[in-house]
Amino acid sequence: MKRRPVCILLSALLCLSLSGCGKKAPPAASSARVPDSSAAVSAPQVPETPPEPSGVNPLTGEPMEEAHENDRPAAVMLNDLKAAQPQLGISQADLIYEVPAEGGITRMLAVYQSLDGVGNLGSIRSARPYYLELALGHQAFFVHAGGSPEAYRDIAAWDVENLDGVNGGSDAKIFWRDPVRRKNAGYEHSMLTSGEKVLGYLESSGWELTRRGEDAPGQTFIEDGTPAGGTPAERIQVKYSYYKTAAFTYDAGTGRYLASQYGGPYVDGNSGEQVSAVNVLVLKTSIAVIPGDTAGRLRVSLTGGEGTFFCGGRSVPIRWSKSGRSAPITYALADGSPLTLGRGNSYICILSARNGSVTVS
């Protein structure tokens, strides 16, 4: 009986406590401004995509500024000796021709529809008649440093518009010797020029800068040039000689063949970028030492022959021909129909049908 008043007191205190927890304070006034539903809501700004150039690069089939699609390209002689690596500007070429020279070595003829933004080029080496013929097939200005006696004879006889870093006149001023290469690689591997200097000289040369329309190249391109019914070709090895073998590995992610040489990636010294190509063409021909030439210089036939076309990780046999000194090389499938290339740059390997070899896997 004595504990009852205590229980009653505890019950009363509990009721008061519960009543206090259940009481809600009025909501605080919000300082946020309620948007006016009648006001116009501006759309997010989307960056404008630059319009695609309306012209077409005749060497690659890719878009380019219309003002430059009919320009005459530049063909640049590049040294490929191991001691002269890395080459400069090679990864930006639209076409790369690799052809044997004397002593088992090869040189590159890099062809550019436009030299805008290419940067330094080199190292520049000397001319041979067959490189001249390849350049003439594109109506290209020929950039070189010296040449064989036969090449100088043909430059004069064929009226080749050329820029010579060794025996040139005012054009020689656009070339220079790189001191680091001169010290580490040797004098003969040190000559450079640049896209800017070549363009500057051409603009003041008085030469015709526009390609003749009636001789325009007729190569056709499509977005995916993978040959129908072709055989798998993930890796290509092109052996030119005991000294030089080029290798190409297909990268499905980019749709390009990545080039290697001298046991490692073939890298552009300007950018560090590995040289690559959408199209690889291997052309076999007759190559022989010029009788009586004590330096072992070569005579390379460019009239035509058999070859292989690689694109999209597959390959097909082709035929190729060049109808004249100033005509472009044309390509055909085995049935005689014209070959269509993939849209993009091309790497063309020209090697001896007798001594060269191609291994595909």
Protein backbone atom coordinates (compact mmCIF):
# COMPACT_ATOMS: atom_id res chain seq x y z
CA MET A 1 0.00 0.00 0.00
CA LYS A 2 2.86 2.41 0.67
CA ARG A 3 4.25 1.98 -2.89
CA ARG A 4 1.06 3.07 -4.75
CA PRO A 5 1.57 6.90 -4.55
CA VAL A 6 5.10 6.39 -6.03
CA CYS A 7 3.69 4.42 -8.99
CA ILE A 8 1.09 7.08 -9.64
CA LEU A 9 3.77 9.76 -9.60
CA LEU A 10 5.96 7.83 -12.03
CA SER A 11 3.03 7.32 -14.43
CA ALA A 12 2.30 11.03 -14.45
CA LEU A 13 5.90 11.92 -15.20
CA LEU A 14 6.01 9.37 -18.09
CA CYS A 15 2.92 10.91 -19.73
CA LEU A 16 4.43 14.37 -19.61
CA SER A 17 7.65 13.06 -21.20
CA LEU A 18 5.84 11.36 -24.11
CA SER A 19 3.75 14.43 -24.74
CA GLY A 20 6.92 16.55 -25.13
CA CYS A 21 8.61 14.12 -27.74
CA GLY A 22 5.47 14.08 -29.91
CA LYS A 23 5.22 17.85 -30.24
CA LYS A 24 6.59 19.14 -33.63
CA ALA A 25 8.18 22.55 -34.05
CA PRO A 26 6.84 24.63 -36.94
CA PRO A 27 8.98 24.26 -40.08
CA ALA A 28 11.69 26.85 -40.58
CA ALA A 29 11.04 29.31 -43.33
CA SER A 30 13.07 28.42 -46.45
CA SER A 31 15.33 31.06 -47.93
CA ALA A 32 15.37 29.26 -51.33
CA ARG A 33 13.70 31.17 -54.17
CA VAL A 34 10.90 29.23 -55.84
CA PRO A 35 11.45 29.39 -59.60
CA ASP A 36 8.85 31.17 -61.63
CA SER A 37 7.22 28.48 -63.77
CA SER A 38 6.38 31.12 -66.34
CA ALA A 39 10.04 32.07 -66.87
CA ALA A 40 11.84 30.58 -69.90
CA VAL A 41 14.40 27.84 -69.12
CA SER A 42 17.54 28.12 -71.24
CA ALA A 43 18.86 24.89 -72.81
CA PRO A 44 22.41 23.77 -71.98
CA GLN A 45 25.01 25.01 -74.43
CA VAL A 46 26.36 22.19 -76.65
CA PRO A 47 29.70 22.88 -78.35
CA GLU A 48 29.36 23.11 -82.10
CA THR A 49 31.05 20.36 -84.11
CA PRO A 50 33.27 21.84 -86.79
CA PRO A 51 31.96 20.99 -90.24
CA GLU A 52 33.85 18.25 -92.06
CA PRO A 53 36.07 19.57 -94.85
CA SER A 54 34.36 19.32 -98.22
CA GLY A 55 37.45 18.31 -100.18
CA VAL A 56 38.99 14.85 -100.57
CA ASN A 57 42.67 13.94 -100.23
CA PRO A 58 43.45 12.13 -103.51
CA LEU A 59 46.18 10.07 -101.82
CA THR A 60 44.03 8.72 -98.96
CA GLY A 61 40.36 9.34 -99.76
CA GLU A 62 40.01 11.20 -96.46
CA PRO A 63 38.37 14.62 -96.05
CA MET A 64 40.59 17.66 -96.44
CA GLU A 65 40.18 21.34 -97.17
CA GLU A 66 38.84 21.78 -100.69
CA ALA A 67 41.43 24.46 -101.38
CA HIS A 68 44.24 21.86 -101.10
CA GLU A 69 42.81 18.74 -102.75
CA ASN A 70 44.21 19.71 -106.17
CA ASP A 71 47.60 20.84 -104.87
CA ARG A 72 50.69 19.06 -106.13
CA PRO A 73 52.09 16.91 -103.30
CA ALA A 74 55.66 16.79 -102.02
CA ALA A 75 57.75 13.59 -102.20
CA VAL A 76 60.59 13.48 -99.68
CA MET A 77 63.61 11.13 -99.77
CA LEU A 78 64.24 9.72 -96.27
CA ASN A 79 67.21 7.80 -94.93
CA ASP A 80 66.37 4.40 -93.41
CA LEU A 81 69.69 3.15 -92.09
CA LYS A 82 69.48 1.91 -88.53
CA ALA A 83 72.12 4.46 -87.49
CA ALA A 84 69.92 7.29 -88.81
CA GLN A 85 66.82 6.46 -86.77
CA PRO A 86 64.45 7.90 -85.80
CA GLN A 87 63.14 9.47 -88.97
CA LEU A 88 61.26 12.76 -88.60
CA GLY A 89 57.81 13.41 -90.04
CA ILE A 90 57.31 9.91 -91.47
CA SER A 91 54.12 9.11 -89.51
CA GLN A 92 52.29 12.01 -91.19
CA ALA A 93 52.96 10.84 -94.75
CA ASP A 94 49.96 9.93 -96.87
CA LEU A 95 52.02 7.38 -98.79
CA ILE A 96 55.24 5.63 -97.84
CA TYR A 97 57.22 3.85 -100.56
CA GLU A 98 60.00 1.63 -99.23
CA VAL A 99 62.39 0.43 -101.92
CA PRO A 100 65.83 -1.21 -101.80
CA ALA A 101 68.93 0.85 -102.47
CA GLU A 102 72.50 -0.35 -102.85
CA GLY A 103 74.12 -2.61 -100.28
CA GLY A 104 70.90 -4.22 -99.06
CA ILE A 105 69.58 -1.04 -97.42
CA THR A 106 66.23 0.59 -98.15
CA ARG A 107 65.10 4.19 -98.35
CA MET A 108 61.66 5.74 -98.04
CA LEU A 109 59.92 8.11 -100.38
CA ALA A 110 57.31 9.81 -98.19
CA VAL A 111 54.52 11.59 -100.11
CA TYR A 112 52.46 14.39 -98.50
CA GLN A 113 49.40 15.97 -100.08
CA SER A 114 49.90 18.82 -97.62
CA LEU A 115 52.94 19.73 -95.53
CA ASP A 116 50.96 22.00 -93.20
CA GLY A 117 51.94 21.18 -89.62
CA VAL A 118 54.30 18.36 -90.54
CA GLY A 119 57.31 19.87 -88.73
CA ASN A 120 60.88 18.71 -89.30
CA LEU A 121 61.65 16.16 -92.01
CA GLY A 122 64.67 13.91 -92.20
CA SER A 123 67.17 12.77 -92.41
CA ILE A 124 67.10 13.63 -96.12
CA ARG A 125 69.06 11.42 -98.51
CA SER A 126 70.00 11.22 -102.17
CA ALA A 127 67.94 10.42 -105.26
CA ARG A 128 67.81 7.41 -107.57
CA PRO A 129 65.93 7.24 -110.91
CA TYR A 130 63.17 4.92 -109.65
CA TYR A 131 62.32 7.26 -106.77
CA LEU A 132 62.00 10.05 -109.32
CA GLU A 133 59.54 7.91 -111.31
CA LEU A 134 57.45 7.27 -108.22
CA ALA A 135 57.32 11.00 -107.46
CA LEU A 136 56.45 11.89 -111.06
CA GLY A 137 53.52 9.47 -110.89
CA HIS A 138 51.97 11.84 -108.32
CA GLN A 139 53.07 15.07 -110.04
CA ALA A 140 55.02 15.71 -106.84
CA PHE A 141 57.80 18.14 -106.05
CA PHE A 142 60.87 16.08 -105.26
CA VAL A 143 62.83 16.83 -102.05
CA HIS A 144 66.29 15.22 -101.75
CA ALA A 145 69.92 15.73 -100.80
CA GLY A 146 72.17 14.80 -103.69
CA GLY A 147 71.77 11.89 -106.06
CA SER A 148 73.45 9.26 -108.20
CA PRO A 149 74.88 10.31 -111.58
CA GLU A 150 71.89 8.64 -113.26
CA ALA A 151 69.46 10.51 -111.01
CA TYR A 152 71.01 13.90 -111.84
CA ARG A 153 70.94 13.02 -115.52
CA ASP A 154 67.24 12.15 -115.30
CA ILE A 155 66.34 15.20 -113.20
CA ALA A 156 67.62 17.37 -116.01
CA ALA A 157 66.24 15.26 -118.86
CA TRP A 158 62.80 14.82 -117.30
CA ASP A 159 62.58 18.41 -116.06
CA VAL A 160 61.90 17.32 -112.47
CA GLU A 161 61.04 20.24 -110.19
CA ASN A 162 63.22 19.39 -107.21
CA LEU A 163 64.63 20.85 -104.01
CA ASP A 164 68.21 19.70 -103.48
CA GLY A 165 70.05 20.10 -100.18
CA VAL A 166 73.47 19.25 -101.63
CA ASN A 167 73.78 20.68 -105.13
CA GLY A 168 70.84 23.07 -105.13
CA GLY A 169 70.81 26.81 -105.58
CA SER A 170 68.57 28.98 -103.43
CA ASP A 171 66.59 25.85 -102.52
CA ALA A 172 69.61 24.54 -100.58
CA LYS A 173 68.96 27.27 -97.99
CA ILE A 174 65.88 25.43 -96.69
CA PHE A 175 68.07 22.54 -95.46
CA TRP A 176 70.36 22.38 -92.43
CA ARG A 177 72.64 19.95 -90.61
CA ASP A 178 71.38 18.85 -87.21
CA PRO A 179 74.35 19.07 -84.78
CA VAL A 180 73.20 16.20 -82.55
CA ARG A 181 72.71 13.83 -85.49
CA ARG A 182 75.97 15.01 -87.01
CA LYS A 183 77.81 14.12 -83.82
CA ASN A 184 76.04 10.84 -82.99
CA ALA A 185 75.06 9.41 -86.38
CA GLY A 186 77.50 11.01 -88.80
CA TYR A 187 77.57 13.86 -91.28
CA GLU A 188 75.71 12.00 -94.06
CA HIS A 189 72.76 11.26 -91.75
CA SER A 190 72.31 14.78 -90.38
CA MET A 191 70.49 16.76 -93.11
CA LEU A 192 67.02 18.04 -92.26
CA THR A 193 64.38 20.36 -93.67
CA SER A 194 60.82 21.12 -92.56
CA GLY A 195 57.32 21.25 -93.98
CA GLU A 196 57.22 24.99 -93.31
CA LYS A 197 60.48 25.67 -95.17
CA VAL A 198 59.50 23.54 -98.16
CA LEU A 199 56.12 25.29 -98.43
CA GLY A 200 57.76 28.69 -98.12
CA TYR A 201 60.15 27.90 -100.95
CA LEU A 202 57.39 26.51 -103.19
CA GLU A 203 55.26 29.62 -102.75
CA SER A 204 58.06 31.77 -104.16
CA SER A 205 59.38 29.27 -106.72
CA GLY A 206 57.18 30.27 -109.65
CA TRP A 207 56.36 26.60 -110.27
CA GLU A 208 52.82 25.46 -110.98
CA LEU A 209 51.40 24.44 -107.60
CA THR A 210 48.18 22.85 -108.85
CA ARG A 211 47.96 19.34 -110.22
CA ARG A 212 47.01 18.93 -113.86
CA GLY A 213 43.41 17.72 -113.88
CA GLU A 214 43.73 15.41 -116.84
CA ASP A 215 46.45 13.48 -115.02
CA ALA A 216 44.67 13.32 -111.67
CA PRO A 217 45.16 10.00 -109.81
CA GLY A 218 42.27 7.60 -110.24
CA GLN A 219 42.56 5.53 -107.06
CA THR A 220 39.25 4.84 -105.31
CA PHE A 221 38.64 4.38 -101.58
CA ILE A 222 35.91 3.05 -99.30
CA GLU A 223 35.46 3.30 -95.53
CA ASP A 224 36.23 -0.38 -94.98
CA GLY A 225 38.68 -1.72 -97.53
CA THR A 226 38.91 -5.22 -96.08
CA PRO A 227 39.10 -7.48 -99.17
CA ALA A 228 36.11 -9.77 -99.58
CA GLY A 229 37.10 -13.41 -99.42
CA GLY A 230 40.63 -12.51 -98.37
CA THR A 231 42.82 -14.77 -96.27
CA PRO A 232 43.72 -13.86 -92.66
CA ALA A 233 46.76 -11.61 -92.37
CA GLU A 234 47.36 -10.48 -88.81
CA ARG A 235 51.13 -10.24 -89.15
CA ILE A 236 53.27 -9.52 -92.22
CA GLN A 237 57.04 -9.79 -92.60
CA VAL A 238 58.60 -8.25 -95.70
CA LYS A 239 62.22 -9.25 -96.21
CA TYR A 240 64.04 -6.91 -98.59
CA SER A 241 67.54 -8.23 -98.00
CA TYR A 242 69.87 -9.73 -95.42
CA TYR A 243 69.98 -6.25 -93.82
CA LYS A 244 66.35 -5.12 -93.77
CA THR A 245 63.05 -6.76 -92.86
CA ALA A 246 59.90 -4.74 -92.25
CA ALA A 247 57.07 -6.08 -90.07
CA PHE A 248 53.41 -5.10 -89.77
CA THR A 249 51.00 -6.20 -87.04
CA TYR A 250 47.27 -5.66 -87.44
CA ASP A 251 45.56 -3.76 -84.62
CA ALA A 252 41.83 -4.53 -84.76
CA GLY A 253 41.06 -1.67 -82.36
CA THR A 254 42.26 0.96 -84.80
CA GLY A 255 41.93 -0.97 -88.07
CA ARG A 256 45.57 -0.20 -88.85
CA TYR A 257 48.79 -2.11 -89.40
CA LEU A 258 51.49 -1.06 -86.92
CA ALA A 259 54.96 -1.00 -88.48
CA SER A 260 58.17 -2.30 -86.92
CA GLN A 261 61.77 -2.47 -88.07
CA TYR A 262 65.18 -3.29 -86.63
CA GLY A 263 63.62 -5.35 -83.85
CA GLY A 264 61.29 -2.68 -82.47
CA PRO A 265 58.44 -0.26 -83.26
CA TYR A 266 59.01 2.05 -86.22
CA VAL A 267 58.73 5.42 -84.46
CA ASP A 268 58.54 9.02 -85.69
CA GLY A 269 61.14 11.10 -83.88
CA ASN A 270 58.95 14.22 -83.99
CA SER A 271 56.04 12.78 -82.05
CA GLY A 272 57.09 9.37 -80.71
CA GLU A 273 54.14 7.93 -82.64
CA GLN A 274 54.48 4.46 -84.13
CA VAL A 275 54.20 4.47 -87.91
CA SER A 276 51.04 2.73 -89.10
CA ALA A 277 48.94 2.32 -92.22
CA VAL A 278 45.39 1.39 -93.19
CA ASN A 279 46.64 -0.23 -96.41
CA VAL A 280 49.81 -2.26 -96.92
CA LEU A 281 50.75 -3.19 -100.49
CA VAL A 282 53.66 -5.48 -101.34
CA LEU A 283 54.75 -5.16 -104.97
CA LYS A 284 57.22 -7.60 -106.53
CA THR A 285 59.39 -6.58 -109.46
CA SER A 286 62.73 -7.04 -111.19
CA ILE A 287 65.64 -5.50 -109.25
CA ALA A 288 69.27 -5.88 -110.29
CA VAL A 289 72.63 -4.17 -109.84
CA ILE A 290 73.45 -1.75 -112.66
CA PRO A 291 76.17 -3.38 -114.77
CA GLY A 292 79.54 -1.76 -114.10
CA ASP A 293 78.31 0.38 -111.17
CA THR A 294 81.11 0.14 -108.61
CA ALA A 295 78.81 1.35 -105.80
CA GLY A 296 76.36 -1.47 -106.45
CA ARG A 297 73.45 0.85 -107.29
CA LEU A 298 70.25 -0.77 -108.49
CA ARG A 299 67.97 -0.70 -111.47
CA VAL A 300 64.36 -1.14 -110.30
CA SER A 301 61.67 -1.89 -112.89
CA LEU A 302 58.39 -0.06 -112.26
CA THR A 303 56.42 -1.38 -115.23
CA GLY A 304 54.37 -3.79 -113.12
CA GLY A 305 54.01 -7.29 -111.76
CA GLU A 306 52.36 -9.32 -109.03
CA GLY A 307 51.68 -8.24 -105.49
CA THR A 308 49.56 -8.60 -102.35
CA PHE A 309 47.10 -6.18 -100.78
CA PHE A 310 46.55 -6.13 -97.00
CA CYS A 311 43.72 -4.30 -95.24
CA GLY A 312 41.51 -5.02 -92.26
CA GLY A 313 43.57 -8.03 -91.21
CA ARG A 314 43.06 -9.87 -94.51
CA SER A 315 44.88 -10.12 -97.84
CA VAL A 316 44.32 -10.82 -101.53
CA PRO A 317 46.68 -11.22 -104.50
CA ILE A 318 46.80 -8.27 -106.90
CA ARG A 319 48.42 -7.08 -110.11
CA TRP A 320 50.04 -3.67 -110.40
CA SER A 321 51.25 -1.59 -113.33
CA LYS A 322 52.73 1.80 -114.22
CA SER A 323 52.08 2.73 -117.84
CA GLY A 324 54.79 5.38 -118.10
CA ARG A 325 57.38 7.39 -116.24
CA SER A 326 54.87 10.07 -115.22
CA ALA A 327 51.89 7.75 -114.76
CA PRO A 328 50.63 6.68 -111.31
CA ILE A 329 50.76 3.06 -110.21
CA THR A 330 47.40 1.34 -110.67
CA TYR A 331 46.21 -1.78 -108.90
CA ALA A 332 43.83 -4.57 -109.94
CA LEU A 333 42.45 -7.73 -108.39
CA ALA A 334 43.24 -11.11 -109.89
CA ASP A 335 40.09 -10.96 -112.05
CA GLY A 336 41.20 -7.63 -113.54
CA SER A 337 38.74 -5.41 -111.69
CA PRO A 338 40.17 -2.24 -110.07
CA LEU A 339 41.35 -2.54 -106.48
CA THR A 340 39.61 -0.32 -103.94
CA LEU A 341 41.69 0.76 -100.95
CA GLY A 342 40.55 1.47 -97.42
CA ARG A 343 40.16 5.15 -96.63
CA GLY A 344 43.47 6.19 -95.09
CA ASN A 345 47.21 6.16 -95.67
CA SER A 346 49.15 3.42 -97.46
CA TYR A 347 52.56 1.79 -97.02
CA ILE A 348 53.91 0.37 -100.30
CA CYS A 349 56.77 -2.14 -100.15
CA ILE A 350 58.60 -2.70 -103.46
CA LEU A 351 60.96 -5.68 -103.43
CA SER A 352 62.75 -8.12 -105.68
CA ALA A 353 60.60 -10.95 -107.01
CA ARG A 354 63.73 -13.11 -106.97
CA ASN A 355 65.45 -12.20 -103.69
CA GLY A 356 62.71 -10.67 -101.53
CA SER A 357 60.11 -12.61 -99.56
CA VAL A 358 56.81 -12.11 -97.74
CA THR A 359 55.66 -14.16 -94.76
CA VAL A 360 52.05 -13.86 -93.55
CA SER A 361 50.50 -15.31 -90.41
